[in-house]
Amino acid sequence: MKTYRGSCHCGQVKFEIETNLKIVVACNCSICTKKGVLHHRVAPERFRLLSGGDSLSLYRFDSKVAKHWFCKHCGIHPFSNPRAAPKMYSINVRCLDDFDLEIADIEIRKFNGRNWEEAIKLLKLD
């Protein structure tokens, strides 16, 4: 297990996670596509918000289960609490400061979020 640090663009929001970063998920739903997010889930005990809680804003839509957190200063989306597992944190790996996606040995799994109800039944993260 490794510790990674992440932040929004302006640095107001800072966090760290402990994880084995081997798999990320690319979702094609409307919000993930527009944000360009690559997801990696961690349990709440493996996530720590280091600073910027007061800089976070919340966006919810549709079922209102998922919590999409973004920095109210720079607009970057560093993490969310996903609809499929609302107690977990879905980290935007593009916001990790000490992780290079270009050279990482990582599997990118596609998730058909446009057909969420059918796709969630097929999603395997382990």
N, C-alpha and C. Protein backbone atom coordinates (compact mmCIF):
# COMPACT_ATOMS: atom_id res chain seq x y z
N MET A 1 0.86 -1.17 0.00
CA MET A 1 0.00 0.00 0.00
C MET A 1 0.91 1.23 0.00
N LYS A 2 0.56 2.20 -0.84
CA LYS A 2 1.35 3.42 -0.98
C LYS A 2 0.47 4.63 -0.64
N THR A 3 1.10 5.69 -0.16
CA THR A 3 0.40 6.95 0.11
C THR A 3 0.64 7.89 -1.06
N TYR A 4 -0.45 8.47 -1.56
CA TYR A 4 -0.41 9.46 -2.64
C TYR A 4 -1.01 10.75 -2.13
N ARG A 5 -0.46 11.86 -2.60
CA ARG A 5 -1.00 13.18 -2.27
C ARG A 5 -1.63 13.79 -3.51
N GLY A 6 -2.71 14.52 -3.29
CA GLY A 6 -3.40 15.15 -4.40
C GLY A 6 -3.90 16.53 -4.02
N SER A 7 -4.32 17.27 -5.03
CA SER A 7 -4.83 18.62 -4.81
C SER A 7 -5.63 19.08 -6.01
N CYS A 8 -6.33 20.18 -5.79
CA CYS A 8 -6.99 20.87 -6.91
C CYS A 8 -5.92 21.70 -7.63
N HIS A 9 -6.31 22.43 -8.65
CA HIS A 9 -5.35 23.21 -9.43
C HIS A 9 -4.73 24.35 -8.64
N CYS A 10 -5.52 25.06 -7.86
CA CYS A 10 -5.00 26.23 -7.14
C CYS A 10 -4.33 25.85 -5.81
N GLY A 11 -4.47 24.59 -5.39
CA GLY A 11 -3.82 24.13 -4.17
C GLY A 11 -4.59 24.38 -2.89
N GLN A 12 -5.78 24.92 -2.98
CA GLN A 12 -6.59 25.15 -1.78
C GLN A 12 -7.04 23.84 -1.14
N VAL A 13 -7.41 22.87 -1.99
CA VAL A 13 -7.87 21.56 -1.52
C VAL A 13 -6.71 20.58 -1.64
N LYS A 14 -6.34 19.98 -0.51
CA LYS A 14 -5.25 18.99 -0.49
C LYS A 14 -5.73 17.75 0.25
N PHE A 15 -5.35 16.60 -0.26
CA PHE A 15 -5.76 15.34 0.34
C PHE A 15 -4.68 14.30 0.13
N GLU A 16 -4.83 13.18 0.83
CA GLU A 16 -3.95 12.04 0.58
C GLU A 16 -4.77 10.77 0.70
N ILE A 17 -4.27 9.75 0.01
CA ILE A 17 -4.92 8.45 0.02
C ILE A 17 -3.86 7.37 0.22
N GLU A 18 -4.29 6.26 0.77
CA GLU A 18 -3.45 5.06 0.86
C GLU A 18 -4.14 4.00 0.01
N THR A 19 -3.39 3.46 -0.96
CA THR A 19 -4.01 2.51 -1.87
C THR A 19 -2.96 1.74 -2.67
N ASN A 20 -3.40 0.69 -3.28
CA ASN A 20 -2.64 0.01 -4.32
C ASN A 20 -3.26 0.46 -5.63
N LEU A 21 -2.61 1.36 -6.29
CA LEU A 21 -3.17 2.00 -7.48
C LEU A 21 -2.82 1.18 -8.72
N LYS A 22 -3.67 0.22 -9.01
CA LYS A 22 -3.46 -0.68 -10.16
C LYS A 22 -4.56 -0.55 -11.21
N ILE A 23 -5.74 -0.08 -10.78
CA ILE A 23 -6.90 0.00 -11.67
C ILE A 23 -7.55 1.37 -11.54
N VAL A 24 -7.89 1.98 -12.67
CA VAL A 24 -8.72 3.18 -12.68
C VAL A 24 -9.89 2.91 -13.62
N VAL A 25 -10.95 3.67 -13.44
CA VAL A 25 -12.15 3.49 -14.25
C VAL A 25 -12.43 4.76 -15.03
N ALA A 26 -12.64 4.58 -16.32
CA ALA A 26 -13.02 5.67 -17.21
C ALA A 26 -14.50 5.51 -17.52
N CYS A 27 -15.29 6.43 -17.03
CA CYS A 27 -16.74 6.39 -17.20
C CYS A 27 -17.14 7.34 -18.35
N ASN A 28 -18.14 6.92 -19.12
CA ASN A 28 -18.60 7.75 -20.24
C ASN A 28 -19.92 8.46 -19.96
N CYS A 29 -20.31 8.56 -18.68
CA CYS A 29 -21.55 9.29 -18.38
C CYS A 29 -21.34 10.78 -18.66
N SER A 30 -22.41 11.53 -18.62
CA SER A 30 -22.33 12.94 -19.01
C SER A 30 -21.37 13.75 -18.13
N ILE A 31 -21.40 13.56 -16.82
CA ILE A 31 -20.54 14.38 -15.96
C ILE A 31 -19.08 13.93 -16.01
N CYS A 32 -18.83 12.63 -16.02
CA CYS A 32 -17.45 12.15 -16.06
C CYS A 32 -16.77 12.51 -17.38
N THR A 33 -17.52 12.42 -18.46
CA THR A 33 -16.98 12.78 -19.77
C THR A 33 -16.59 14.25 -19.79
N LYS A 34 -17.44 15.11 -19.30
CA LYS A 34 -17.16 16.55 -19.32
C LYS A 34 -16.02 16.92 -18.36
N LYS A 35 -15.90 16.19 -17.25
CA LYS A 35 -14.82 16.47 -16.29
C LYS A 35 -13.51 15.82 -16.70
N GLY A 36 -13.55 14.78 -17.50
CA GLY A 36 -12.34 14.06 -17.88
C GLY A 36 -11.74 13.27 -16.73
N VAL A 37 -12.58 12.82 -15.83
CA VAL A 37 -12.11 12.14 -14.62
C VAL A 37 -11.74 10.68 -14.91
N LEU A 38 -10.71 10.22 -14.23
CA LEU A 38 -10.38 8.80 -14.15
C LEU A 38 -10.51 8.43 -12.68
N HIS A 39 -11.40 7.51 -12.38
CA HIS A 39 -11.76 7.17 -11.00
C HIS A 39 -10.88 6.08 -10.40
N HIS A 40 -10.60 6.25 -9.12
CA HIS A 40 -10.01 5.18 -8.31
C HIS A 40 -10.63 5.26 -6.93
N ARG A 41 -11.32 4.20 -6.52
CA ARG A 41 -12.03 4.21 -5.25
C ARG A 41 -11.15 3.83 -4.07
N VAL A 42 -11.38 4.54 -2.96
CA VAL A 42 -10.73 4.20 -1.70
C VAL A 42 -11.76 4.27 -0.58
N ALA A 43 -11.54 3.45 0.43
CA ALA A 43 -12.41 3.45 1.61
C ALA A 43 -12.18 4.73 2.41
N PRO A 44 -13.16 5.16 3.19
CA PRO A 44 -13.02 6.40 3.95
C PRO A 44 -11.82 6.43 4.88
N GLU A 45 -11.45 5.27 5.43
CA GLU A 45 -10.30 5.24 6.32
C GLU A 45 -8.97 5.35 5.57
N ARG A 46 -9.01 5.29 4.25
CA ARG A 46 -7.81 5.44 3.41
C ARG A 46 -7.75 6.81 2.73
N PHE A 47 -8.66 7.70 3.10
CA PHE A 47 -8.74 9.06 2.55
C PHE A 47 -8.59 10.07 3.68
N ARG A 48 -7.76 11.08 3.47
CA ARG A 48 -7.63 12.17 4.44
C ARG A 48 -7.65 13.50 3.71
N LEU A 49 -8.59 14.34 4.08
CA LEU A 49 -8.61 15.71 3.59
C LEU A 49 -7.64 16.50 4.45
N LEU A 50 -6.57 16.98 3.85
CA LEU A 50 -5.52 17.68 4.59
C LEU A 50 -5.82 19.15 4.79
N SER A 51 -6.43 19.77 3.77
CA SER A 51 -6.79 21.19 3.87
C SER A 51 -7.81 21.53 2.80
N GLY A 52 -8.52 22.61 3.02
CA GLY A 52 -9.43 23.13 2.01
C GLY A 52 -10.87 22.67 2.11
N GLY A 53 -11.26 22.11 3.24
CA GLY A 53 -12.66 21.72 3.39
C GLY A 53 -13.61 22.87 3.14
N ASP A 54 -13.21 24.06 3.55
CA ASP A 54 -14.07 25.24 3.34
C ASP A 54 -14.01 25.75 1.90
N SER A 55 -13.11 25.19 1.10
CA SER A 55 -13.03 25.57 -0.32
C SER A 55 -13.81 24.63 -1.22
N LEU A 56 -14.36 23.57 -0.64
CA LEU A 56 -15.11 22.60 -1.43
C LEU A 56 -16.57 23.01 -1.59
N SER A 57 -17.09 22.80 -2.79
CA SER A 57 -18.51 22.96 -3.07
C SER A 57 -19.04 21.62 -3.54
N LEU A 58 -20.32 21.41 -3.34
CA LEU A 58 -20.96 20.15 -3.66
C LEU A 58 -21.93 20.31 -4.82
N TYR A 59 -21.87 19.36 -5.75
CA TYR A 59 -22.82 19.31 -6.85
C TYR A 59 -23.48 17.94 -6.83
N ARG A 60 -24.82 17.94 -6.91
CA ARG A 60 -25.59 16.70 -6.98
C ARG A 60 -26.62 16.83 -8.10
N PHE A 61 -26.94 15.71 -8.73
CA PHE A 61 -27.96 15.74 -9.78
C PHE A 61 -28.65 14.38 -9.83
N ASP A 62 -29.63 14.25 -10.66
CA ASP A 62 -30.38 13.01 -10.90
C ASP A 62 -30.83 12.38 -9.60
N SER A 63 -30.26 11.27 -9.19
CA SER A 63 -30.72 10.56 -7.98
C SER A 63 -30.29 11.29 -6.70
N LYS A 64 -29.37 12.21 -6.79
CA LYS A 64 -28.85 12.99 -5.66
C LYS A 64 -28.07 12.13 -4.66
N VAL A 65 -27.70 10.91 -5.03
CA VAL A 65 -26.94 10.04 -4.14
C VAL A 65 -25.46 10.40 -4.19
N ALA A 66 -24.92 10.53 -5.39
CA ALA A 66 -23.50 10.86 -5.54
C ALA A 66 -23.23 12.29 -5.10
N LYS A 67 -22.07 12.47 -4.50
CA LYS A 67 -21.62 13.81 -4.10
C LYS A 67 -20.38 14.14 -4.94
N HIS A 68 -20.52 15.13 -5.79
CA HIS A 68 -19.43 15.57 -6.66
C HIS A 68 -18.80 16.81 -6.03
N TRP A 69 -17.61 16.66 -5.47
CA TRP A 69 -16.93 17.76 -4.78
C TRP A 69 -16.00 18.48 -5.75
N PHE A 70 -16.00 19.81 -5.70
CA PHE A 70 -15.09 20.59 -6.53
C PHE A 70 -14.62 21.81 -5.76
N CYS A 71 -13.48 22.34 -6.15
CA CYS A 71 -12.94 23.53 -5.52
C CYS A 71 -13.70 24.75 -6.03
N LYS A 72 -14.22 25.55 -5.13
CA LYS A 72 -14.99 26.73 -5.53
C LYS A 72 -14.11 27.85 -6.05
N HIS A 73 -12.79 27.71 -5.92
CA HIS A 73 -11.86 28.73 -6.42
C HIS A 73 -11.41 28.43 -7.85
N CYS A 74 -10.97 27.20 -8.10
CA CYS A 74 -10.44 26.87 -9.43
C CYS A 74 -11.36 25.96 -10.24
N GLY A 75 -12.37 25.37 -9.61
CA GLY A 75 -13.34 24.54 -10.33
C GLY A 75 -12.93 23.10 -10.55
N ILE A 76 -11.78 22.70 -10.06
CA ILE A 76 -11.31 21.33 -10.29
C ILE A 76 -12.03 20.34 -9.36
N HIS A 77 -12.30 19.16 -9.90
CA HIS A 77 -13.02 18.08 -9.22
C HIS A 77 -12.02 17.04 -8.74
N PRO A 78 -11.56 17.11 -7.50
CA PRO A 78 -10.55 16.15 -7.03
C PRO A 78 -11.10 14.79 -6.59
N PHE A 79 -12.35 14.74 -6.13
CA PHE A 79 -12.92 13.49 -5.65
C PHE A 79 -14.43 13.59 -5.54
N SER A 80 -15.05 12.43 -5.37
CA SER A 80 -16.50 12.37 -5.18
C SER A 80 -16.82 11.21 -4.25
N ASN A 81 -18.07 11.15 -3.85
CA ASN A 81 -18.63 9.97 -3.18
C ASN A 81 -19.61 9.40 -4.19
N PRO A 82 -19.25 8.29 -4.83
CA PRO A 82 -20.02 7.80 -5.98
C PRO A 82 -21.36 7.17 -5.63
N ARG A 83 -22.25 7.22 -6.57
CA ARG A 83 -23.58 6.64 -6.41
C ARG A 83 -23.50 5.14 -6.11
N ALA A 84 -22.59 4.44 -6.75
CA ALA A 84 -22.48 3.00 -6.58
C ALA A 84 -21.96 2.60 -5.20
N ALA A 85 -21.26 3.53 -4.53
CA ALA A 85 -20.69 3.25 -3.20
C ALA A 85 -20.54 4.58 -2.47
N PRO A 86 -21.64 5.16 -2.00
CA PRO A 86 -21.62 6.53 -1.46
C PRO A 86 -20.75 6.77 -0.23
N LYS A 87 -20.34 5.72 0.47
CA LYS A 87 -19.46 5.91 1.63
C LYS A 87 -17.99 5.90 1.22
N MET A 88 -17.72 5.48 0.01
CA MET A 88 -16.35 5.43 -0.51
C MET A 88 -15.98 6.79 -1.12
N TYR A 89 -14.71 6.96 -1.40
CA TYR A 89 -14.23 8.13 -2.13
C TYR A 89 -13.73 7.68 -3.49
N SER A 90 -14.21 8.35 -4.51
CA SER A 90 -13.72 8.10 -5.86
C SER A 90 -12.77 9.25 -6.18
N ILE A 91 -11.50 8.92 -6.23
CA ILE A 91 -10.46 9.92 -6.44
C ILE A 91 -10.27 10.13 -7.93
N ASN A 92 -10.14 11.38 -8.33
CA ASN A 92 -9.77 11.71 -9.70
C ASN A 92 -8.25 11.57 -9.77
N VAL A 93 -7.75 10.48 -10.34
CA VAL A 93 -6.29 10.25 -10.33
C VAL A 93 -5.53 11.33 -11.08
N ARG A 94 -6.21 12.09 -11.91
CA ARG A 94 -5.56 13.21 -12.60
C ARG A 94 -5.21 14.34 -11.61
N CYS A 95 -5.76 14.28 -10.40
CA CYS A 95 -5.46 15.27 -9.36
C CYS A 95 -4.37 14.81 -8.40
N LEU A 96 -3.84 13.62 -8.59
CA LEU A 96 -2.75 13.16 -7.73
C LEU A 96 -1.46 13.83 -8.15
N ASP A 97 -0.80 14.49 -7.21
CA ASP A 97 0.41 15.27 -7.50
C ASP A 97 1.64 14.40 -7.69
N ASP A 98 1.66 13.22 -7.10
CA ASP A 98 2.84 12.37 -7.14
C ASP A 98 2.57 11.06 -7.89
N PHE A 99 1.72 11.13 -8.90
CA PHE A 99 1.39 9.98 -9.73
C PHE A 99 1.41 10.42 -11.18
N ASP A 100 2.18 9.74 -12.01
CA ASP A 100 2.30 10.08 -13.42
C ASP A 100 1.55 9.04 -14.24
N LEU A 101 0.38 9.39 -14.69
CA LEU A 101 -0.48 8.50 -15.46
C LEU A 101 0.20 8.04 -16.76
N GLU A 102 1.04 8.88 -17.32
CA GLU A 102 1.69 8.57 -18.60
C GLU A 102 2.67 7.40 -18.49
N ILE A 103 3.29 7.22 -17.34
CA ILE A 103 4.28 6.15 -17.20
C ILE A 103 3.84 5.04 -16.25
N ALA A 104 2.69 5.19 -15.67
CA ALA A 104 2.20 4.21 -14.69
C ALA A 104 1.82 2.90 -15.37
N ASP A 105 2.08 1.81 -14.67
CA ASP A 105 1.65 0.50 -15.11
C ASP A 105 0.29 0.26 -14.47
N ILE A 106 -0.75 0.69 -15.19
CA ILE A 106 -2.08 0.71 -14.61
C ILE A 106 -3.11 0.24 -15.64
N GLU A 107 -4.13 -0.43 -15.16
CA GLU A 107 -5.21 -0.86 -16.04
C GLU A 107 -6.31 0.19 -16.02
N ILE A 108 -6.76 0.59 -17.20
CA ILE A 108 -7.88 1.53 -17.31
C ILE A 108 -9.08 0.73 -17.80
N ARG A 109 -10.07 0.59 -16.91
CA ARG A 109 -11.30 -0.14 -17.25
C ARG A 109 -12.37 0.85 -17.66
N LYS A 110 -13.07 0.52 -18.70
CA LYS A 110 -14.17 1.37 -19.17
C LYS A 110 -15.46 0.99 -18.45
N PHE A 111 -16.23 2.03 -18.14
CA PHE A 111 -17.53 1.85 -17.49
C PHE A 111 -18.56 2.59 -18.31
N ASN A 112 -19.61 1.89 -18.72
CA ASN A 112 -20.65 2.48 -19.56
C ASN A 112 -21.67 3.21 -18.70
N GLY A 113 -21.29 4.37 -18.21
CA GLY A 113 -22.15 5.16 -17.36
C GLY A 113 -23.37 5.73 -18.06
N ARG A 114 -23.36 5.74 -19.38
CA ARG A 114 -24.55 6.18 -20.13
C ARG A 114 -25.69 5.19 -19.94
N ASN A 115 -25.34 3.97 -19.60
CA ASN A 115 -26.32 2.91 -19.30
C ASN A 115 -26.01 2.38 -17.89
N TRP A 116 -26.07 3.29 -16.92
CA TRP A 116 -25.59 3.05 -15.56
C TRP A 116 -26.19 1.81 -14.91
N GLU A 117 -27.49 1.66 -14.98
CA GLU A 117 -28.16 0.56 -14.28
C GLU A 117 -27.64 -0.80 -14.75
N GLU A 118 -27.43 -0.98 -16.04
CA GLU A 118 -26.92 -2.24 -16.55
C GLU A 118 -25.43 -2.38 -16.26
N ALA A 119 -24.69 -1.29 -16.41
CA ALA A 119 -23.23 -1.33 -16.29
C ALA A 119 -22.78 -1.59 -14.85
N ILE A 120 -23.49 -1.09 -13.87
CA ILE A 120 -23.06 -1.25 -12.48
C ILE A 120 -23.07 -2.73 -12.08
N LYS A 121 -23.94 -3.51 -12.67
CA LYS A 121 -24.00 -4.94 -12.38
C LYS A 121 -22.75 -5.67 -12.86
N LEU A 122 -22.08 -5.11 -13.85
CA LEU A 122 -20.92 -5.76 -14.45
C LEU A 122 -19.58 -5.25 -13.91
N LEU A 123 -19.61 -4.15 -13.17
CA LEU A 123 -18.36 -3.52 -12.71
C LEU A 123 -17.65 -4.36 -11.67
N LYS A 124 -16.42 -4.67 -11.93
CA LYS A 124 -15.56 -5.41 -10.99
C LYS A 124 -14.31 -4.57 -10.78
N LEU A 125 -13.99 -4.25 -9.53
CA LEU A 125 -12.84 -3.41 -9.24
C LEU A 125 -11.70 -4.18 -8.56
N ASP A 126 -11.89 -5.40 -8.20
CA ASP A 126 -10.83 -6.16 -7.54
C ASP A 126 -10.21 -7.17 -8.47
